[in-house]
Each structure stands twice: as C-alpha cells, then as structure tokens.
Amino acid sequence: MQIDYKYFVVRFEPINRKRARATVAMNIDMKLNLVPLWIMEMVCKKFCCDFLQEVVRVSDSFKGSKWD
C-alpha cells in the first residue's frame, strides 16, 4: 500500500511546559479506494501523535528555549 501526503500542516501552540494544543491538517491520496475511512483515521492519528511527541522531546534539548 502506498500513501501520498499532498500536504501536512501542524499548528502547535504551547500552553505551558507540560501542555500544548495542536491542530493537524493533511491531504492524503491512498491510491486505493478499498481502505476503510476508520483505518485511515487511525493511522493518521497514530502518526500525528508520534510526530508531535517527537517534536516535544527534541524541543526540550534546545538551549535558551522558552521552556529551558
């Protein structure tokens, strides 16, 4: 199965050191019409959660950051 992301946009708003609000928008071309929508949504949510957790983990290592 091939998934083509036409665009992937993340709006990330830190609230405090432990919390943030994220809005994610993406346009996916699955190349197959037989994949159920709930599977696509589950995969996208998992990808977004993993992506944002990695962003938060990496951002903690920036010296002089707001959360340093």
Protein backbone atom coordinates (compact mmCIF):
# COMPACT_ATOMS: atom_id res chain seq x y z
CA MET A 1 0.00 0.00 0.00
CA GLN A 2 1.27 3.47 -0.83
CA ILE A 3 0.19 6.68 0.88
CA ASP A 4 0.97 10.01 -0.74
CA TYR A 5 0.80 13.07 1.51
CA LYS A 6 -0.03 16.05 -0.68
CA TYR A 7 0.40 18.37 2.31
CA PHE A 8 0.87 18.10 6.06
CA VAL A 9 0.34 21.18 8.24
CA VAL A 10 0.80 21.40 12.01
CA ARG A 11 -0.23 24.33 14.17
CA PHE A 12 1.41 23.92 17.58
CA GLU A 13 0.57 26.28 20.44
CA PRO A 14 2.44 25.75 23.73
CA ILE A 15 0.28 26.44 26.78
CA ASN A 16 2.87 25.66 29.45
CA ARG A 17 5.79 23.28 29.90
CA LYS A 18 3.58 20.19 30.09
CA ARG A 19 0.67 21.11 27.83
CA ALA A 20 0.09 22.31 24.30
CA ARG A 21 -2.65 22.49 21.72
CA ALA A 22 -2.02 21.04 18.28
CA THR A 23 -4.10 21.22 15.13
CA VAL A 24 -3.13 18.97 12.25
CA ALA A 25 -4.39 19.10 8.67
CA MET A 26 -3.36 16.77 5.89
CA ASN A 27 -4.43 15.69 2.44
CA ILE A 28 -3.80 12.02 1.70
CA ASP A 29 -4.06 10.13 -1.57
CA MET A 30 -4.34 6.43 -0.69
CA LYS A 31 -4.16 5.17 -4.30
CA LEU A 32 -6.73 2.56 -3.24
CA ASN A 33 -10.44 3.07 -2.72
CA LEU A 34 -10.90 -0.09 -0.69
CA VAL A 35 -9.26 1.09 2.55
CA PRO A 36 -11.97 1.98 5.08
CA LEU A 37 -12.02 5.54 6.38
CA TRP A 38 -11.69 4.41 10.02
CA ILE A 39 -8.37 2.71 9.23
CA MET A 40 -7.08 5.85 7.52
CA GLU A 41 -8.13 7.96 10.51
CA MET A 42 -6.50 5.55 12.97
CA VAL A 43 -3.20 5.56 11.05
CA CYS A 44 -3.23 9.36 10.70
CA LYS A 45 -3.93 9.90 14.42
CA LYS A 46 -1.14 7.49 15.39
CA PHE A 47 1.30 9.21 13.01
CA CYS A 48 0.37 12.67 14.32
CA CYS A 49 0.67 11.66 17.98
CA ASP A 50 4.09 10.09 17.37
CA PHE A 51 5.23 13.11 15.35
CA LEU A 52 4.18 15.63 18.00
CA GLN A 53 5.70 13.62 20.84
CA GLU A 54 8.99 13.62 18.95
CA VAL A 55 8.76 17.39 18.37
CA VAL A 56 8.23 17.96 22.10
CA ARG A 57 11.10 15.64 23.01
CA VAL A 58 13.51 17.37 20.64
CA SER A 59 12.38 20.88 21.61
CA ASP A 60 13.39 20.23 25.22
CA SER A 61 17.02 19.98 24.12
CA PHE A 62 17.24 23.48 22.58
CA LYS A 63 19.38 25.73 24.78
CA GLY A 64 17.86 29.10 25.51
CA SER A 65 14.35 27.98 24.62
CA LYS A 66 11.33 29.41 26.37
CA TRP A 67 10.96 26.16 28.34
CA ASP A 68 14.67 25.85 29.27
